[in-house]
Amino acid sequence: MRTKLAVILALIAVLTVTGTLYALVKSRVIKPVTSLNEVVLTKSLYNAVALDDETTQRFTFMAYVAGFLDALQLEEANEAEVKQFLQDCEGMTLGQISDMMFKFYRDNPEFRNEKPADFLTKIAPRLKKGLTPFPTGENN
């Protein structure tokens, strides 16, 4: 775990220095990766939230950090599930999956406590295939 974290943090540092990070681009496409060279990481969110109040800025950064930690934990706990998500949602854009998540939470208030990672790995692939969010009888 420490080696993977060190590699990821080193990669972030290199990409930050070279300025090749990007995020919040609705057309960013989900795709499987086979090496660290193919990993696309999120750029600094500072300019995107610079005009927001400090509470919103802090919440945005906290949400990013939480998402990053979720990703590390998902990869460590069940690499196959993450790879399956990338395959199932390949070709979707950041905007499409964000809109899908927003609509799911808006239209299904009973599932608003569903973890974003669970939405992405379990629900989003089903919705992309035109299926119901959960197999019959598997509500959380």
C-alpha atoms as a PDB file:
ATOM      1  CA  MET A   1       0.000   0.000   0.000  1.00  0.00           C
ATOM      2  CA  ARG A   2       2.759   2.462   0.889  1.00  0.00           C
ATOM      3  CA  THR A   3       4.562   1.800  -2.378  1.00  0.00           C
ATOM      4  CA  LYS A   4       1.384   2.361  -4.414  1.00  0.00           C
ATOM      5  CA  LEU A   5       0.625   5.556  -2.485  1.00  0.00           C
ATOM      6  CA  ALA A   6       4.190   6.793  -2.996  1.00  0.00           C
ATOM      7  CA  VAL A   7       3.945   6.107  -6.735  1.00  0.00           C
ATOM      8  CA  ILE A   8       0.605   7.865  -6.990  1.00  0.00           C
ATOM      9  CA  LEU A   9       1.805  10.882  -4.989  1.00  0.00           C
ATOM     10  CA  ALA A  10       5.000  11.080  -7.065  1.00  0.00           C
ATOM     11  CA  LEU A  11       2.918  10.933 -10.243  1.00  0.00           C
ATOM     12  CA  ILE A  12       0.697  13.729  -8.960  1.00  0.00           C
ATOM     13  CA  ALA A  13       3.746  15.848  -8.141  1.00  0.00           C
ATOM     14  CA  VAL A  14       5.262  15.309 -11.601  1.00  0.00           C
ATOM     15  CA  LEU A  15       2.007  16.064 -13.382  1.00  0.00           C
ATOM     16  CA  THR A  16       1.390  19.134 -11.239  1.00  0.00           C
ATOM     17  CA  VAL A  17       4.823  20.542 -12.057  1.00  0.00           C
ATOM     18  CA  THR A  18       4.430  19.868 -15.771  1.00  0.00           C
ATOM     19  CA  GLY A  19       0.929  21.346 -15.842  1.00  0.00           C
ATOM     20  CA  THR A  20      -0.686  18.362 -17.540  1.00  0.00           C
ATOM     21  CA  LEU A  21      -3.532  17.879 -15.079  1.00  0.00           C
ATOM     22  CA  TYR A  22      -7.100  18.628 -16.090  1.00  0.00           C
ATOM     23  CA  ALA A  23     -10.563  18.254 -14.607  1.00  0.00           C
ATOM     24  CA  LEU A  24     -14.031  19.646 -14.668  1.00  0.00           C
ATOM     25  CA  VAL A  25     -14.012  19.170 -18.423  1.00  0.00           C
ATOM     26  CA  LYS A  26     -17.418  17.678 -19.158  1.00  0.00           C
ATOM     27  CA  SER A  27     -16.084  15.957 -22.262  1.00  0.00           C
ATOM     28  CA  ARG A  28     -13.369  14.030 -20.364  1.00  0.00           C
ATOM     29  CA  VAL A  29     -13.920  10.368 -21.324  1.00  0.00           C
ATOM     30  CA  ILE A  30     -13.867   7.330 -19.044  1.00  0.00           C
ATOM     31  CA  LYS A  31     -11.601   4.562 -20.291  1.00  0.00           C
ATOM     32  CA  PRO A  32      -9.655   1.620 -18.917  1.00  0.00           C
ATOM     33  CA  VAL A  33      -5.948   2.187 -18.273  1.00  0.00           C
ATOM     34  CA  THR A  34      -3.158  -0.339 -18.465  1.00  0.00           C
ATOM     35  CA  SER A  35      -0.273   1.702 -17.039  1.00  0.00           C
ATOM     36  CA  LEU A  36       0.441   4.769 -14.935  1.00  0.00           C
ATOM     37  CA  ASN A  37       1.327   6.642 -18.133  1.00  0.00           C
ATOM     38  CA  GLU A  38      -2.355   6.500 -19.158  1.00  0.00           C
ATOM     39  CA  VAL A  39      -3.697   7.807 -15.837  1.00  0.00           C
ATOM     40  CA  VAL A  40      -5.360  11.233 -16.095  1.00  0.00           C
ATOM     41  CA  LEU A  41      -5.517  13.184 -12.868  1.00  0.00           C
ATOM     42  CA  THR A  42      -7.503  16.229 -11.889  1.00  0.00           C
ATOM     43  CA  LYS A  43      -5.905  19.672 -12.110  1.00  0.00           C
ATOM     44  CA  SER A  44      -6.036  22.155  -9.286  1.00  0.00           C
ATOM     45  CA  LEU A  45      -9.592  23.176  -8.542  1.00  0.00           C
ATOM     46  CA  TYR A  46      -8.545  26.573  -7.179  1.00  0.00           C
ATOM     47  CA  ASN A  47      -9.440  28.663 -10.235  1.00  0.00           C
ATOM     48  CA  ALA A  48     -12.760  26.828 -10.609  1.00  0.00           C
ATOM     49  CA  VAL A  49     -13.852  27.789  -7.089  1.00  0.00           C
ATOM     50  CA  ALA A  50     -11.819  30.973  -6.516  1.00  0.00           C
ATOM     51  CA  LEU A  51     -14.893  33.209  -6.618  1.00  0.00           C
ATOM     52  CA  ASP A  52     -16.959  30.963  -4.337  1.00  0.00           C
ATOM     53  CA  ASP A  53     -17.224  31.693  -0.636  1.00  0.00           C
ATOM     54  CA  GLU A  54     -14.627  30.072   1.624  1.00  0.00           C
ATOM     55  CA  THR A  55     -17.055  27.439   2.925  1.00  0.00           C
ATOM     56  CA  THR A  56     -17.822  26.281  -0.626  1.00  0.00           C
ATOM     57  CA  GLN A  57     -14.126  26.297  -1.501  1.00  0.00           C
ATOM     58  CA  ARG A  58     -13.270  24.167   1.546  1.00  0.00           C
ATOM     59  CA  PHE A  59     -16.140  21.767   0.791  1.00  0.00           C
ATOM     60  CA  THR A  60     -14.984  21.403  -2.821  1.00  0.00           C
ATOM     61  CA  PHE A  61     -11.432  20.577  -1.775  1.00  0.00           C
ATOM     62  CA  MET A  62     -12.616  18.225   0.955  1.00  0.00           C
ATOM     63  CA  ALA A  63     -14.840  16.426  -1.564  1.00  0.00           C
ATOM     64  CA  TYR A  64     -11.884  16.068  -3.941  1.00  0.00           C
ATOM     65  CA  VAL A  65      -9.633  14.681  -1.188  1.00  0.00           C
ATOM     66  CA  ALA A  66     -12.386  12.300  -0.053  1.00  0.00           C
ATOM     67  CA  GLY A  67     -12.863  11.104  -3.645  1.00  0.00           C
ATOM     68  CA  PHE A  68      -9.136  10.571  -4.043  1.00  0.00           C
ATOM     69  CA  LEU A  69      -9.010   8.539  -0.840  1.00  0.00           C
ATOM     70  CA  ASP A  70     -12.082   6.567  -1.948  1.00  0.00           C
ATOM     71  CA  ALA A  71     -10.289   5.728  -5.196  1.00  0.00           C
ATOM     72  CA  LEU A  72      -7.183   4.553  -3.365  1.00  0.00           C
ATOM     73  CA  GLN A  73      -9.225   2.399  -1.026  1.00  0.00           C
ATOM     74  CA  LEU A  74     -11.318   0.936  -3.855  1.00  0.00           C
ATOM     75  CA  GLU A  75      -8.197   0.036  -5.795  1.00  0.00           C
ATOM     76  CA  GLU A  76      -6.625  -1.539  -2.725  1.00  0.00           C
ATOM     77  CA  ALA A  77      -9.739  -3.430  -1.646  1.00  0.00           C
ATOM     78  CA  ASN A  78     -11.055  -4.694  -4.960  1.00  0.00           C
ATOM     79  CA  GLU A  79      -9.117  -3.876  -8.095  1.00  0.00           C
ATOM     80  CA  ALA A  80     -11.439  -5.983 -10.240  1.00  0.00           C
ATOM     81  CA  GLU A  81     -14.476  -3.852  -9.322  1.00  0.00           C
ATOM     82  CA  VAL A  82     -12.735  -0.635 -10.356  1.00  0.00           C
ATOM     83  CA  LYS A  83     -11.522  -2.145 -13.631  1.00  0.00           C
ATOM     84  CA  GLN A  84     -15.045  -3.413 -14.302  1.00  0.00           C
ATOM     85  CA  PHE A  85     -16.420   0.119 -13.790  1.00  0.00           C
ATOM     86  CA  LEU A  86     -13.905   1.504 -16.300  1.00  0.00           C
ATOM     87  CA  GLN A  87     -14.916  -1.157 -18.829  1.00  0.00           C
ATOM     88  CA  ASP A  88     -18.665  -0.822 -18.218  1.00  0.00           C
ATOM     89  CA  CYS A  89     -18.642   2.971 -18.435  1.00  0.00           C
ATOM     90  CA  GLU A  90     -15.985   3.289 -21.129  1.00  0.00           C
ATOM     91  CA  GLY A  91     -16.775   6.128 -23.488  1.00  0.00           C
ATOM     92  CA  MET A  92     -18.994   8.038 -21.072  1.00  0.00           C
ATOM     93  CA  THR A  93     -17.904  11.578 -20.394  1.00  0.00           C
ATOM     94  CA  LEU A  94     -17.411  13.216 -17.031  1.00  0.00           C
ATOM     95  CA  GLY A  95     -20.465  15.334 -17.812  1.00  0.00           C
ATOM     96  CA  GLN A  96     -22.633  12.321 -18.665  1.00  0.00           C
ATOM     97  CA  ILE A  97     -21.758  10.397 -15.529  1.00  0.00           C
ATOM     98  CA  SER A  98     -22.107  13.510 -13.342  1.00  0.00           C
ATOM     99  CA  ASP A  99     -25.528  14.194 -14.840  1.00  0.00           C
ATOM    100  CA  MET A 100     -26.503  10.547 -14.314  1.00  0.00           C
ATOM    101  CA  MET A 101     -25.441  10.722 -10.648  1.00  0.00           C
ATOM    102  CA  PHE A 102     -27.260  14.013 -10.090  1.00  0.00           C
ATOM    103  CA  LYS A 103     -30.449  12.633 -11.669  1.00  0.00           C
ATOM    104  CA  PHE A 104     -30.250   9.396  -9.667  1.00  0.00           C
ATOM    105  CA  TYR A 105     -29.963  11.229  -6.343  1.00  0.00           C
ATOM    106  CA  ARG A 106     -32.638  13.773  -7.327  1.00  0.00           C
ATOM    107  CA  ASP A 107     -35.125  11.154  -8.546  1.00  0.00           C
ATOM    108  CA  ASN A 108     -34.464   8.617  -5.776  1.00  0.00           C
ATOM    109  CA  PRO A 109     -34.437  10.454  -2.445  1.00  0.00           C
ATOM    110  CA  GLU A 110     -34.537   7.124  -0.593  1.00  0.00           C
ATOM    111  CA  PHE A 111     -31.006   6.424  -1.907  1.00  0.00           C
ATOM    112  CA  ARG A 112     -29.411   9.814  -1.228  1.00  0.00           C
ATOM    113  CA  ASN A 113     -27.170   8.203   1.378  1.00  0.00           C
ATOM    114  CA  GLU A 114     -25.824   5.773  -1.231  1.00  0.00           C
ATOM    115  CA  LYS A 115     -22.041   6.247  -1.363  1.00  0.00           C
ATOM    116  CA  PRO A 116     -20.792   7.920  -4.561  1.00  0.00           C
ATOM    117  CA  ALA A 117     -18.273   5.080  -5.025  1.00  0.00           C
ATOM    118  CA  ASP A 118     -21.109   2.548  -4.805  1.00  0.00           C
ATOM    119  CA  PHE A 119     -23.138   4.583  -7.290  1.00  0.00           C
ATOM    120  CA  LEU A 120     -20.227   4.631  -9.728  1.00  0.00           C
ATOM    121  CA  THR A 121     -19.214   0.993  -9.428  1.00  0.00           C
ATOM    122  CA  LYS A 122     -22.629  -0.644  -9.028  1.00  0.00           C
ATOM    123  CA  ILE A 123     -25.449   1.643 -10.183  1.00  0.00           C
ATOM    124  CA  ALA A 124     -23.980   3.695 -13.058  1.00  0.00           C
ATOM    125  CA  PRO A 125     -23.055   0.634 -15.157  1.00  0.00           C
ATOM    126  CA  ARG A 126     -26.604  -0.720 -14.751  1.00  0.00           C
ATOM    127  CA  LEU A 127     -28.156   2.625 -15.731  1.00  0.00           C
ATOM    128  CA  LYS A 128     -25.851   2.891 -18.760  1.00  0.00           C
ATOM    129  CA  LYS A 129     -27.155  -0.514 -19.900  1.00  0.00           C
ATOM    130  CA  GLY A 130     -30.752   0.685 -19.482  1.00  0.00           C
ATOM    131  CA  LEU A 131     -31.378  -1.475 -16.414  1.00  0.00           C
ATOM    132  CA  THR A 132     -32.921  -0.515 -13.085  1.00  0.00           C
ATOM    133  CA  PRO A 133     -30.462   0.857 -10.494  1.00  0.00           C
ATOM    134  CA  PHE A 134     -30.606  -2.341  -8.435  1.00  0.00           C
ATOM    135  CA  PRO A 135     -31.415  -5.912  -9.372  1.00  0.00           C
ATOM    136  CA  THR A 136     -34.903  -6.795  -8.117  1.00  0.00           C
ATOM    137  CA  GLY A 137     -34.928  -7.113  -4.327  1.00  0.00           C
ATOM    138  CA  GLU A 138     -31.388  -5.709  -3.808  1.00  0.00           C
ATOM    139  CA  ASN A 139     -32.115  -2.264  -2.393  1.00  0.00           C
ATOM    140  CA  ASN A 140     -29.608  -1.014   0.177  1.00  0.00           C
END
